């Protein structure tokens, strides 16, 4: 079937986190839910690029980006910390799944702050090979890694995250994400070494901002 030859498909990791096809109340500010079907989303992303040469580079050779106009009601994923909303900041230890180490995070609850609808979606891609490596590294002894949607649909690139935002270029990765990546694949990271200069840029950006949940 035609979809099996797509350049890009949504990876299972992203499917579990983004909440595709969820309809939210008009008053909701949750940014990670995408009220569009996976099929329509994949069609829009693939229509935005005609070849791998058009993919934007990411933080490592196995990471790429596609920036598409927001076709959903998703709101931006982070807002500035101000004197008015600082008291609304929350913090706690969180893991993205049961196999990752919990890390200290801070965030705003969506109901507590004003969050505009995003103009753009930063669609973050990992290569099929990298997804295979990370899936295998997270498995215990004797466990078989799950078959990725990239393998199922013979796609070279998988969507691992979608970030609703108001600019059509990559925003700095969060410092804690850089640290997790440096811990290695068996801790839910990518195994990419932390670069001090890039980490300092990340801190400069995120010290005045917080994600919205």
N, C-alpha and C. Protein backbone atom coordinates (compact mmCIF):
# COMPACT_ATOMS: atom_id res chain seq x y z
N UNK A 1 0.84 -1.19 0.00
CA UNK A 1 0.00 0.00 0.00
C UNK A 1 0.88 1.24 0.00
N UNK A 2 0.36 2.37 -0.43
CA UNK A 2 1.16 3.56 -0.63
C UNK A 2 1.80 4.06 0.65
N UNK A 3 1.07 3.97 1.79
CA UNK A 3 1.59 4.49 3.05
C UNK A 3 2.83 3.75 3.51
N UNK A 4 3.03 2.49 3.02
CA UNK A 4 4.19 1.71 3.44
C UNK A 4 5.49 2.29 2.90
N UNK A 5 5.41 3.15 1.88
CA UNK A 5 6.60 3.71 1.27
C UNK A 5 6.81 5.17 1.66
N UNK A 6 6.17 5.62 2.71
CA UNK A 6 6.33 6.99 3.13
C UNK A 6 7.74 7.24 3.66
N UNK A 7 8.22 8.46 3.47
CA UNK A 7 9.52 8.85 3.99
C UNK A 7 9.48 8.92 5.51
N UNK A 8 8.34 9.38 6.06
CA UNK A 8 8.21 9.66 7.49
C UNK A 8 6.94 9.03 8.04
N UNK A 9 7.04 8.36 9.20
CA UNK A 9 5.86 7.86 9.91
C UNK A 9 6.01 8.25 11.38
N UNK A 10 4.92 8.20 12.12
CA UNK A 10 4.95 8.52 13.55
C UNK A 10 5.40 7.29 14.33
N UNK A 11 6.46 7.44 15.13
CA UNK A 11 6.98 6.33 15.93
C UNK A 11 6.05 6.05 17.11
N UNK A 12 6.09 4.82 17.61
CA UNK A 12 5.23 4.42 18.72
C UNK A 12 5.46 5.27 19.97
N UNK A 13 6.71 5.68 20.22
CA UNK A 13 7.03 6.51 21.37
C UNK A 13 6.25 7.82 21.31
N UNK A 14 6.17 8.40 20.12
CA UNK A 14 5.44 9.65 19.94
C UNK A 14 3.93 9.42 20.03
N UNK A 15 3.47 8.30 19.50
CA UNK A 15 2.03 7.98 19.56
C UNK A 15 1.55 7.96 21.01
N UNK A 16 2.38 7.42 21.90
CA UNK A 16 1.97 7.29 23.28
C UNK A 16 1.97 8.59 24.05
N UNK A 17 2.73 9.59 23.57
CA UNK A 17 2.88 10.83 24.32
C UNK A 17 2.05 11.98 23.78
N UNK A 18 1.77 12.00 22.48
CA UNK A 18 1.17 13.19 21.88
C UNK A 18 -0.35 13.22 21.95
N UNK A 19 -0.99 12.08 22.16
CA UNK A 19 -2.45 12.10 22.25
C UNK A 19 -3.12 12.47 20.94
N UNK A 20 -2.74 11.82 19.87
CA UNK A 20 -3.32 12.10 18.55
C UNK A 20 -4.84 11.90 18.57
N UNK A 21 -5.51 12.76 17.80
CA UNK A 21 -6.95 12.64 17.56
C UNK A 21 -7.78 12.84 18.82
N UNK A 22 -7.21 13.54 19.82
CA UNK A 22 -7.97 13.83 21.03
C UNK A 22 -8.63 15.20 20.88
N UNK A 23 -9.92 15.25 21.11
CA UNK A 23 -10.64 16.51 21.06
C UNK A 23 -10.71 17.08 22.47
N UNK A 24 -10.23 18.31 22.61
CA UNK A 24 -10.20 18.95 23.92
C UNK A 24 -11.20 20.08 23.98
N UNK A 25 -11.66 20.44 25.17
CA UNK A 25 -12.55 21.61 25.32
C UNK A 25 -11.86 22.85 24.80
N UNK A 26 -12.65 23.79 24.30
CA UNK A 26 -12.10 25.03 23.76
C UNK A 26 -11.29 25.79 24.80
N UNK A 27 -11.61 25.57 26.07
CA UNK A 27 -10.92 26.28 27.14
C UNK A 27 -9.58 25.65 27.50
N UNK A 28 -9.29 24.47 26.97
CA UNK A 28 -8.07 23.76 27.34
C UNK A 28 -6.85 24.41 26.71
N UNK A 29 -5.73 24.39 27.44
CA UNK A 29 -4.48 24.93 26.93
C UNK A 29 -3.43 23.84 26.75
N UNK A 30 -3.80 22.58 26.89
CA UNK A 30 -2.80 21.51 26.78
C UNK A 30 -2.14 21.55 25.41
N UNK A 31 -0.81 21.54 25.40
CA UNK A 31 -0.10 21.72 24.15
C UNK A 31 0.27 20.41 23.47
N UNK A 32 0.33 19.30 24.23
CA UNK A 32 0.88 18.08 23.62
C UNK A 32 -0.17 17.26 22.88
N UNK A 33 -1.45 17.54 23.08
CA UNK A 33 -2.49 16.81 22.36
C UNK A 33 -2.66 17.38 20.95
N UNK A 34 -2.76 16.50 19.98
CA UNK A 34 -2.93 16.91 18.58
C UNK A 34 -4.26 16.37 18.08
N UNK A 35 -5.21 17.26 17.86
CA UNK A 35 -6.55 16.83 17.45
C UNK A 35 -6.61 16.60 15.94
N UNK A 36 -5.81 15.63 15.51
CA UNK A 36 -5.75 15.23 14.10
C UNK A 36 -5.41 13.74 14.10
N UNK A 37 -5.89 13.01 13.11
CA UNK A 37 -5.56 11.59 13.05
C UNK A 37 -4.10 11.42 12.68
N UNK A 38 -3.53 10.29 13.07
CA UNK A 38 -2.14 10.00 12.73
C UNK A 38 -1.98 9.98 11.21
N UNK A 39 -2.95 9.44 10.51
CA UNK A 39 -2.87 9.34 9.04
C UNK A 39 -2.82 10.72 8.40
N UNK A 40 -3.68 11.63 8.86
CA UNK A 40 -3.69 12.99 8.30
C UNK A 40 -2.42 13.74 8.66
N UNK A 41 -1.92 13.51 9.88
CA UNK A 41 -0.69 14.17 10.29
C UNK A 41 0.49 13.69 9.44
N UNK A 42 0.60 12.38 9.26
CA UNK A 42 1.69 11.85 8.44
C UNK A 42 1.60 12.36 7.01
N UNK A 43 0.39 12.47 6.48
CA UNK A 43 0.22 12.97 5.12
C UNK A 43 0.70 14.41 5.02
N UNK A 44 0.39 15.25 6.02
CA UNK A 44 0.79 16.65 6.00
C UNK A 44 2.31 16.80 6.10
N UNK A 45 2.93 15.99 6.96
CA UNK A 45 4.38 16.07 7.13
C UNK A 45 5.10 15.60 5.88
N UNK A 46 4.64 14.50 5.30
CA UNK A 46 5.27 14.00 4.08
C UNK A 46 5.08 14.94 2.90
N UNK A 47 3.96 15.65 2.89
CA UNK A 47 3.71 16.62 1.81
C UNK A 47 4.63 17.83 1.90
N UNK A 48 5.18 18.07 3.10
CA UNK A 48 6.03 19.24 3.31
C UNK A 48 7.44 19.04 2.78
N UNK A 49 7.84 17.79 2.53
CA UNK A 49 9.18 17.50 2.02
C UNK A 49 9.08 16.50 0.87
N UNK A 50 9.90 16.69 -0.14
CA UNK A 50 9.86 15.78 -1.28
C UNK A 50 11.00 14.78 -1.26
N UNK A 51 12.02 15.06 -0.42
CA UNK A 51 13.15 14.13 -0.33
C UNK A 51 13.86 14.33 1.00
N UNK A 52 14.74 13.39 1.34
CA UNK A 52 15.51 13.49 2.58
C UNK A 52 16.41 14.72 2.58
N UNK A 53 16.80 15.21 1.41
CA UNK A 53 17.67 16.38 1.33
C UNK A 53 17.01 17.63 1.91
N UNK A 54 15.69 17.64 1.99
CA UNK A 54 14.98 18.82 2.49
C UNK A 54 14.78 18.79 4.01
N UNK A 55 15.15 17.69 4.65
CA UNK A 55 15.04 17.62 6.11
C UNK A 55 16.08 18.53 6.76
N UNK A 56 15.68 19.23 7.81
CA UNK A 56 16.59 20.15 8.50
C UNK A 56 17.44 19.36 9.50
N UNK A 57 18.72 19.72 9.63
CA UNK A 57 19.60 18.98 10.55
C UNK A 57 19.21 19.18 12.01
N UNK A 58 19.45 18.14 12.82
CA UNK A 58 19.19 18.20 14.25
C UNK A 58 20.49 18.17 15.03
N UNK A 59 20.43 17.73 16.29
CA UNK A 59 21.59 17.79 17.17
C UNK A 59 22.58 16.66 16.93
N UNK A 60 22.21 15.69 16.10
CA UNK A 60 23.08 14.56 15.76
C UNK A 60 22.71 14.10 14.36
N UNK A 61 23.59 13.34 13.70
CA UNK A 61 23.29 12.90 12.33
C UNK A 61 21.99 12.10 12.20
N UNK A 62 21.59 11.38 13.26
CA UNK A 62 20.37 10.58 13.18
C UNK A 62 19.12 11.39 13.47
N UNK A 63 19.25 12.68 13.77
CA UNK A 63 18.10 13.53 14.11
C UNK A 63 17.88 14.58 13.03
N UNK A 64 16.63 14.73 12.60
CA UNK A 64 16.26 15.74 11.61
C UNK A 64 14.97 16.44 12.07
N UNK A 65 14.65 17.53 11.38
CA UNK A 65 13.44 18.29 11.69
C UNK A 65 12.66 18.59 10.42
N UNK A 66 11.35 18.67 10.57
CA UNK A 66 10.47 19.22 9.55
C UNK A 66 9.59 20.26 10.26
N UNK A 67 9.49 21.44 9.68
CA UNK A 67 8.65 22.48 10.26
C UNK A 67 7.43 22.67 9.37
N UNK A 68 6.25 22.45 9.95
CA UNK A 68 5.01 22.57 9.18
C UNK A 68 4.07 23.52 9.90
N UNK A 69 3.22 24.19 9.13
CA UNK A 69 2.20 25.05 9.71
C UNK A 69 1.29 24.21 10.59
N UNK A 70 0.93 24.75 11.72
CA UNK A 70 0.09 24.03 12.67
C UNK A 70 -1.30 23.82 12.09
N UNK A 71 -1.67 22.57 11.87
CA UNK A 71 -2.99 22.23 11.32
C UNK A 71 -3.94 21.75 12.43
N UNK A 72 -3.52 21.94 13.69
CA UNK A 72 -4.30 21.48 14.83
C UNK A 72 -4.63 22.68 15.72
N UNK A 73 -5.29 22.42 16.84
CA UNK A 73 -5.56 23.48 17.81
C UNK A 73 -4.52 23.49 18.93
N UNK A 74 -3.41 22.77 18.74
CA UNK A 74 -2.37 22.68 19.76
C UNK A 74 -1.80 24.06 20.07
N UNK A 75 -1.53 24.29 21.35
CA UNK A 75 -0.96 25.54 21.81
C UNK A 75 0.53 25.38 22.06
N UNK A 76 1.24 26.49 22.13
CA UNK A 76 2.69 26.44 22.29
C UNK A 76 3.05 25.65 23.53
N UNK A 77 4.20 25.00 23.50
CA UNK A 77 4.57 24.08 24.56
C UNK A 77 5.30 24.70 25.72
N UNK A 78 5.64 26.00 25.63
CA UNK A 78 6.35 26.67 26.72
C UNK A 78 6.01 28.15 26.70
N UNK A 79 6.03 28.76 27.87
CA UNK A 79 5.77 30.19 27.98
C UNK A 79 6.82 30.83 28.88
N UNK A 80 6.94 32.16 28.76
CA UNK A 80 7.90 32.89 29.56
C UNK A 80 7.47 32.93 31.03
N UNK A 81 8.45 32.89 31.91
CA UNK A 81 8.19 33.05 33.35
C UNK A 81 8.20 34.53 33.67
N UNK A 82 7.13 35.01 34.26
CA UNK A 82 7.00 36.43 34.59
C UNK A 82 6.75 36.59 36.09
N UNK A 83 6.82 37.85 36.53
CA UNK A 83 6.53 38.13 37.95
C UNK A 83 5.11 37.73 38.30
N UNK A 84 4.21 37.81 37.31
CA UNK A 84 2.79 37.50 37.56
C UNK A 84 2.53 36.00 37.65
N UNK A 85 3.25 35.20 36.84
CA UNK A 85 2.92 33.77 36.82
C UNK A 85 3.93 32.89 37.56
N UNK A 86 5.01 33.50 38.06
CA UNK A 86 6.06 32.69 38.70
C UNK A 86 5.53 31.85 39.85
N UNK A 87 4.57 32.36 40.57
CA UNK A 87 4.02 31.62 41.72
C UNK A 87 3.24 30.38 41.27
N UNK A 88 2.92 30.29 39.99
CA UNK A 88 2.19 29.13 39.46
C UNK A 88 3.12 27.97 39.07
N UNK A 89 4.43 28.22 39.08
CA UNK A 89 5.37 27.17 38.68
C UNK A 89 5.27 25.97 39.59
N UNK A 90 5.30 24.78 39.00
CA UNK A 90 5.30 23.54 39.77
C UNK A 90 6.57 22.76 39.44
N UNK A 91 6.97 21.87 40.33
CA UNK A 91 8.14 21.05 40.06
C UNK A 91 7.94 19.67 40.67
N UNK A 92 8.66 18.71 40.14
CA UNK A 92 8.57 17.34 40.63
C UNK A 92 9.47 16.43 39.82
N UNK A 93 9.63 15.21 40.30
CA UNK A 93 10.43 14.21 39.59
C UNK A 93 9.53 13.45 38.61
N UNK A 94 9.95 13.39 37.36
CA UNK A 94 9.13 12.76 36.32
C UNK A 94 9.99 11.89 35.40
N UNK A 95 9.37 10.85 34.86
CA UNK A 95 9.97 10.03 33.81
C UNK A 95 8.95 9.93 32.68
N UNK A 96 9.44 9.86 31.45
CA UNK A 96 8.53 9.80 30.30
C UNK A 96 7.90 8.42 30.15
N UNK A 97 8.54 7.41 30.72
CA UNK A 97 7.95 6.07 30.77
C UNK A 97 8.56 5.32 31.94
N UNK A 98 8.07 4.11 32.20
CA UNK A 98 8.46 3.38 33.41
C UNK A 98 9.91 2.88 33.37
N UNK A 99 10.55 2.92 32.22
CA UNK A 99 11.92 2.43 32.11
C UNK A 99 12.97 3.52 32.26
N UNK A 100 12.54 4.78 32.29
CA UNK A 100 13.48 5.88 32.40
C UNK A 100 13.68 6.30 33.86
N UNK A 101 14.83 6.90 34.14
CA UNK A 101 15.07 7.47 35.45
C UNK A 101 14.25 8.75 35.61
N UNK A 102 13.55 8.92 36.73
CA UNK A 102 12.85 10.20 36.97
C UNK A 102 13.87 11.33 37.14
N UNK A 103 13.56 12.48 36.57
CA UNK A 103 14.42 13.65 36.69
C UNK A 103 13.59 14.82 37.19
N UNK A 104 14.26 15.78 37.82
CA UNK A 104 13.57 16.94 38.36
C UNK A 104 13.14 17.86 37.22
N UNK A 105 11.87 18.21 37.21
CA UNK A 105 11.31 19.05 36.15
C UNK A 105 10.51 20.18 36.76
N UNK A 106 10.29 21.22 35.97
CA UNK A 106 9.38 22.29 36.39
C UNK A 106 8.45 22.60 35.23
N UNK A 107 7.24 23.04 35.56
CA UNK A 107 6.26 23.26 34.53
C UNK A 107 5.12 24.15 35.05
N UNK A 108 4.33 24.64 34.10
CA UNK A 108 3.06 25.29 34.41
C UNK A 108 1.93 24.33 34.09
N UNK A 109 0.92 24.29 34.93
CA UNK A 109 -0.32 23.63 34.55
C UNK A 109 -1.02 24.51 33.53
N UNK A 110 -1.55 23.90 32.48
CA UNK A 110 -2.14 24.65 31.39
C UNK A 110 -3.25 25.59 31.85
N UNK A 111 -4.01 25.18 32.86
CA UNK A 111 -5.13 26.00 33.33
C UNK A 111 -4.67 27.26 34.06
N UNK A 112 -3.39 27.34 34.42
CA UNK A 112 -2.92 28.44 35.25
C UNK A 112 -2.32 29.60 34.47
N UNK A 113 -2.06 29.42 33.17
CA UNK A 113 -1.40 30.46 32.39
C UNK A 113 -2.09 30.64 31.03
N UNK A 114 -1.86 31.79 30.42
CA UNK A 114 -2.37 32.05 29.07
C UNK A 114 -1.41 31.44 28.05
N UNK A 115 -1.95 30.58 27.19
CA UNK A 115 -1.11 29.87 26.23
C UNK A 115 -1.70 30.04 24.82
N UNK A 116 -1.00 30.75 23.93
CA UNK A 116 -1.53 30.97 22.58
C UNK A 116 -1.46 29.71 21.71
N UNK A 117 -2.35 29.64 20.73
CA UNK A 117 -2.29 28.56 19.75
C UNK A 117 -0.99 28.68 18.96
N UNK A 118 -0.33 27.56 18.74
CA UNK A 118 0.94 27.56 18.02
C UNK A 118 0.75 27.88 16.55
N UNK A 119 1.74 28.54 15.97
CA UNK A 119 1.76 28.82 14.53
C UNK A 119 2.42 27.69 13.76
N UNK A 120 3.43 27.08 14.38
CA UNK A 120 4.22 26.05 13.73
C UNK A 120 4.28 24.78 14.56
N UNK A 121 4.58 23.67 13.91
CA UNK A 121 4.90 22.42 14.59
C UNK A 121 6.31 22.03 14.19
N UNK A 122 7.16 21.85 15.20
CA UNK A 122 8.49 21.32 14.98
C UNK A 122 8.38 19.80 15.09
N UNK A 123 8.48 19.12 13.97
CA UNK A 123 8.35 17.66 13.91
C UNK A 123 9.75 17.08 13.97
N UNK A 124 10.05 16.41 15.09
CA UNK A 124 11.41 15.91 15.33
C UNK A 124 11.48 14.44 14.91
N UNK A 125 12.47 14.13 14.07
CA UNK A 125 12.61 12.80 13.49
C UNK A 125 13.89 12.13 13.98
N UNK A 126 13.80 10.81 14.17
CA UNK A 126 14.99 9.97 14.36
C UNK A 126 15.02 8.96 13.22
N UNK A 127 16.23 8.57 12.85
CA UNK A 127 16.36 7.57 11.80
C UNK A 127 15.84 6.22 12.29
N UNK A 128 15.46 5.39 11.36
CA UNK A 128 14.97 4.05 11.69
C UNK A 128 16.03 3.27 12.47
N UNK A 129 17.30 3.44 12.09
CA UNK A 129 18.38 2.73 12.77
C UNK A 129 18.52 3.18 14.22
N UNK A 130 18.41 4.48 14.47
CA UNK A 130 18.53 4.99 15.83
C UNK A 130 17.36 4.51 16.70
N UNK A 131 16.17 4.50 16.15
CA UNK A 131 15.00 4.00 16.89
C UNK A 131 15.19 2.53 17.25
N UNK A 132 15.72 1.74 16.33
CA UNK A 132 16.01 0.33 16.62
C UNK A 132 17.00 0.20 17.77
N UNK A 133 18.07 0.99 17.74
CA UNK A 133 19.09 0.93 18.77
C UNK A 133 18.53 1.30 20.14
N UNK A 134 17.73 2.36 20.20
CA UNK A 134 17.19 2.80 21.48
C UNK A 134 16.15 1.81 22.01
N UNK A 135 15.34 1.25 21.14
CA UNK A 135 14.37 0.24 21.57
C UNK A 135 15.09 -0.97 22.15
N UNK A 136 16.15 -1.40 21.50
CA UNK A 136 16.90 -2.57 21.97
C UNK A 136 17.57 -2.29 23.30
N UNK A 137 18.12 -1.07 23.45
CA UNK A 137 18.85 -0.73 24.68
C UNK A 137 17.93 -0.67 25.89
N UNK A 138 16.66 -0.39 25.69
CA UNK A 138 15.72 -0.27 26.80
C UNK A 138 15.11 -1.61 27.19
N UNK A 139 15.46 -2.67 26.47
CA UNK A 139 14.91 -4.00 26.77
C UNK A 139 15.74 -4.70 27.84
N UNK A 140 15.09 -5.49 28.66
CA UNK A 140 15.78 -6.29 29.66
C UNK A 140 16.37 -7.55 29.05
N UNK A 141 17.05 -8.32 29.86
CA UNK A 141 17.65 -9.56 29.39
C UNK A 141 16.57 -10.51 28.87
N UNK A 142 16.79 -11.01 27.68
CA UNK A 142 15.84 -11.96 27.09
C UNK A 142 14.63 -11.31 26.47
N UNK A 143 14.50 -9.98 26.58
CA UNK A 143 13.35 -9.27 26.00
C UNK A 143 13.63 -8.98 24.53
N UNK A 144 12.61 -9.12 23.72
CA UNK A 144 12.72 -8.76 22.31
C UNK A 144 12.27 -7.31 22.14
N UNK A 145 13.07 -6.47 21.45
CA UNK A 145 12.64 -5.08 21.24
C UNK A 145 11.39 -5.03 20.37
N UNK A 146 10.51 -4.06 20.62
CA UNK A 146 9.30 -3.96 19.81
C UNK A 146 9.63 -3.57 18.38
N UNK A 147 8.80 -4.01 17.45
CA UNK A 147 8.96 -3.63 16.05
C UNK A 147 8.48 -2.19 15.89
N UNK A 148 9.34 -1.34 15.38
CA UNK A 148 8.97 0.06 15.23
C UNK A 148 8.02 0.24 14.04
N UNK A 149 7.27 1.34 14.05
CA UNK A 149 6.40 1.64 12.91
C UNK A 149 7.23 1.93 11.66
N UNK A 150 8.47 2.41 11.84
CA UNK A 150 9.36 2.60 10.69
C UNK A 150 9.60 1.27 9.99
N UNK A 151 9.83 0.21 10.79
CA UNK A 151 10.04 -1.10 10.20
C UNK A 151 8.76 -1.64 9.59
N UNK A 152 7.65 -1.46 10.30
CA UNK A 152 6.37 -1.96 9.80
C UNK A 152 6.01 -1.33 8.46
N UNK A 153 6.31 -0.04 8.30
CA UNK A 153 5.89 0.69 7.11
C UNK A 153 7.04 1.04 6.18
N UNK A 154 8.23 0.47 6.47
CA UNK A 154 9.40 0.64 5.61
C UNK A 154 9.74 2.10 5.39
N UNK A 155 9.68 2.88 6.45
CA UNK A 155 9.99 4.31 6.38
C UNK A 155 11.36 4.56 7.01
N UNK A 156 12.21 5.38 6.39
CA UNK A 156 13.55 5.62 6.95
C UNK A 156 13.57 6.57 8.14
N UNK A 157 12.48 7.32 8.37
CA UNK A 157 12.45 8.30 9.45
C UNK A 157 11.17 8.16 10.27
N UNK A 158 11.33 8.27 11.61
CA UNK A 158 10.19 8.19 12.50
C UNK A 158 10.04 9.47 13.33
N UNK A 159 8.82 9.94 13.49
CA UNK A 159 8.55 11.10 14.33
C UNK A 159 8.62 10.66 15.80
N UNK A 160 9.52 11.28 16.57
CA UNK A 160 9.65 10.93 17.99
C UNK A 160 9.05 12.00 18.90
N UNK A 161 8.82 13.19 18.37
CA UNK A 161 8.22 14.26 19.16
C UNK A 161 7.68 15.34 18.23
N UNK A 162 6.64 16.03 18.69
CA UNK A 162 6.08 17.17 17.96
C UNK A 162 5.98 18.33 18.94
N UNK A 163 6.63 19.44 18.61
CA UNK A 163 6.64 20.60 19.50
C UNK A 163 5.87 21.75 18.88
N UNK A 164 4.68 22.07 19.42
CA UNK A 164 3.96 23.26 18.94
C UNK A 164 4.69 24.52 19.41
N UNK A 165 4.93 25.45 18.49
CA UNK A 165 5.69 26.65 18.83
C UNK A 165 5.31 27.79 17.89
N UNK A 166 5.94 28.97 18.12
CA UNK A 166 5.56 30.14 17.32
C UNK A 166 6.65 30.57 16.34
N UNK A 167 7.67 29.73 16.12
CA UNK A 167 8.73 30.03 15.15
C UNK A 167 8.99 28.79 14.30
N UNK A 168 9.54 29.01 13.09
CA UNK A 168 9.78 27.90 12.17
C UNK A 168 11.24 27.46 12.18
N UNK A 169 11.81 27.41 13.36
CA UNK A 169 13.17 26.88 13.50
C UNK A 169 13.29 26.20 14.86
N UNK A 170 14.37 25.45 15.04
CA UNK A 170 14.53 24.65 16.25
C UNK A 170 14.80 25.53 17.46
N UNK A 171 14.08 25.28 18.55
CA UNK A 171 14.35 25.92 19.82
C UNK A 171 15.36 25.08 20.61
N UNK A 172 16.11 25.70 21.54
CA UNK A 172 17.11 24.92 22.29
C UNK A 172 16.49 23.75 23.05
N UNK A 173 17.14 22.63 23.00
CA UNK A 173 16.74 21.46 23.77
C UNK A 173 16.84 21.79 25.26
N UNK A 174 15.94 21.24 26.07
CA UNK A 174 16.00 21.50 27.50
C UNK A 174 17.29 20.91 28.10
N UNK A 175 17.87 21.58 29.10
CA UNK A 175 19.10 21.06 29.71
C UNK A 175 18.96 19.63 30.22
N UNK A 176 17.84 19.30 30.84
CA UNK A 176 17.69 17.96 31.39
C UNK A 176 17.63 16.91 30.28
N UNK A 177 17.12 17.29 29.10
CA UNK A 177 17.09 16.37 27.96
C UNK A 177 18.50 16.09 27.48
N UNK A 178 19.34 17.15 27.44
CA UNK A 178 20.75 16.95 27.07
C UNK A 178 21.43 15.99 28.04
N UNK A 179 21.14 16.16 29.32
CA UNK A 179 21.75 15.28 30.32
C UNK A 179 21.28 13.84 30.15
N UNK A 180 19.98 13.65 29.92
CA UNK A 180 19.45 12.30 29.72
C UNK A 180 20.10 11.65 28.50
N UNK A 181 20.22 12.41 27.42
CA UNK A 181 20.86 11.86 26.23
C UNK A 181 22.27 11.39 26.53
N UNK A 182 23.00 12.18 27.32
CA UNK A 182 24.38 11.83 27.63
C UNK A 182 24.50 10.60 28.53
N UNK A 183 23.43 10.28 29.28
CA UNK A 183 23.46 9.09 30.13
C UNK A 183 23.53 7.81 29.31
N UNK A 184 22.97 7.83 28.11
CA UNK A 184 23.03 6.65 27.26
C UNK A 184 21.67 6.08 26.92
N UNK A 185 21.66 5.19 25.93
CA UNK A 185 20.41 4.62 25.43
C UNK A 185 19.70 3.78 26.48
N UNK A 186 20.45 3.14 27.36
CA UNK A 186 19.81 2.27 28.35
C UNK A 186 19.09 3.05 29.44
N UNK A 187 19.26 4.39 29.45
CA UNK A 187 18.54 5.24 30.40
C UNK A 187 17.51 6.13 29.70
N UNK A 188 17.19 5.78 28.45
CA UNK A 188 16.20 6.54 27.71
C UNK A 188 16.77 7.69 26.91
N UNK A 189 18.11 7.82 26.88
CA UNK A 189 18.75 8.87 26.09
C UNK A 189 19.20 8.35 24.74
N UNK A 190 19.90 9.21 24.02
CA UNK A 190 20.36 8.84 22.68
C UNK A 190 21.82 8.46 22.64
N UNK A 191 22.54 8.73 23.74
CA UNK A 191 23.96 8.41 23.77
C UNK A 191 24.86 9.50 23.23
N UNK A 192 24.29 10.68 22.92
CA UNK A 192 25.09 11.79 22.39
C UNK A 192 25.75 12.54 23.56
N UNK A 193 27.05 12.75 23.45
CA UNK A 193 27.82 13.41 24.50
C UNK A 193 27.36 14.85 24.70
N UNK A 194 27.29 15.27 25.95
CA UNK A 194 26.90 16.65 26.26
C UNK A 194 28.02 17.60 25.85
N UNK A 195 27.64 18.67 25.13
CA UNK A 195 28.60 19.70 24.69
C UNK A 195 28.37 20.94 25.55
N UNK A 196 29.41 21.37 26.26
CA UNK A 196 29.28 22.45 27.24
C UNK A 196 28.69 23.72 26.63
N UNK A 197 29.16 24.11 25.45
CA UNK A 197 28.69 25.35 24.83
C UNK A 197 27.20 25.27 24.50
N UNK A 198 26.76 24.12 23.98
CA UNK A 198 25.34 23.95 23.65
C UNK A 198 24.49 23.90 24.92
N UNK A 199 25.03 23.30 25.96
CA UNK A 199 24.32 23.25 27.23
C UNK A 199 24.12 24.65 27.79
N UNK A 200 25.14 25.49 27.70
CA UNK A 200 25.04 26.86 28.20
C UNK A 200 24.01 27.66 27.41
N UNK A 201 23.93 27.43 26.10
CA UNK A 201 22.89 28.09 25.29
C UNK A 201 21.51 27.65 25.74
N UNK A 202 21.38 26.38 26.03
CA UNK A 202 20.10 25.85 26.49
C UNK A 202 19.69 26.50 27.81
N UNK A 203 20.61 26.58 28.75
CA UNK A 203 20.32 27.19 30.05
C UNK A 203 19.90 28.65 29.87
N UNK A 204 20.60 29.38 29.00
CA UNK A 204 20.28 30.79 28.77
C UNK A 204 18.85 30.97 28.26
N UNK A 205 18.38 30.02 27.43
CA UNK A 205 17.03 30.09 26.89
C UNK A 205 15.99 29.67 27.92
N UNK A 206 16.23 28.54 28.61
CA UNK A 206 15.21 27.93 29.46
C UNK A 206 15.16 28.50 30.87
N UNK A 207 16.14 29.30 31.29
CA UNK A 207 16.08 29.85 32.64
C UNK A 207 14.90 30.80 32.82
N UNK A 208 14.40 31.35 31.72
CA UNK A 208 13.28 32.29 31.78
C UNK A 208 11.99 31.71 31.20
N UNK A 209 11.95 30.40 30.97
CA UNK A 209 10.78 29.77 30.36
C UNK A 209 10.48 28.46 31.08
N UNK A 210 9.25 28.00 30.93
CA UNK A 210 8.87 26.69 31.47
C UNK A 210 7.85 26.05 30.54
N UNK A 211 7.87 24.72 30.49
CA UNK A 211 6.92 24.01 29.65
C UNK A 211 5.53 24.10 30.24
N UNK A 212 4.54 23.85 29.39
CA UNK A 212 3.14 23.86 29.81
C UNK A 212 2.59 22.45 29.68
N UNK A 213 1.90 21.98 30.71
CA UNK A 213 1.31 20.63 30.68
C UNK A 213 -0.19 20.70 30.95
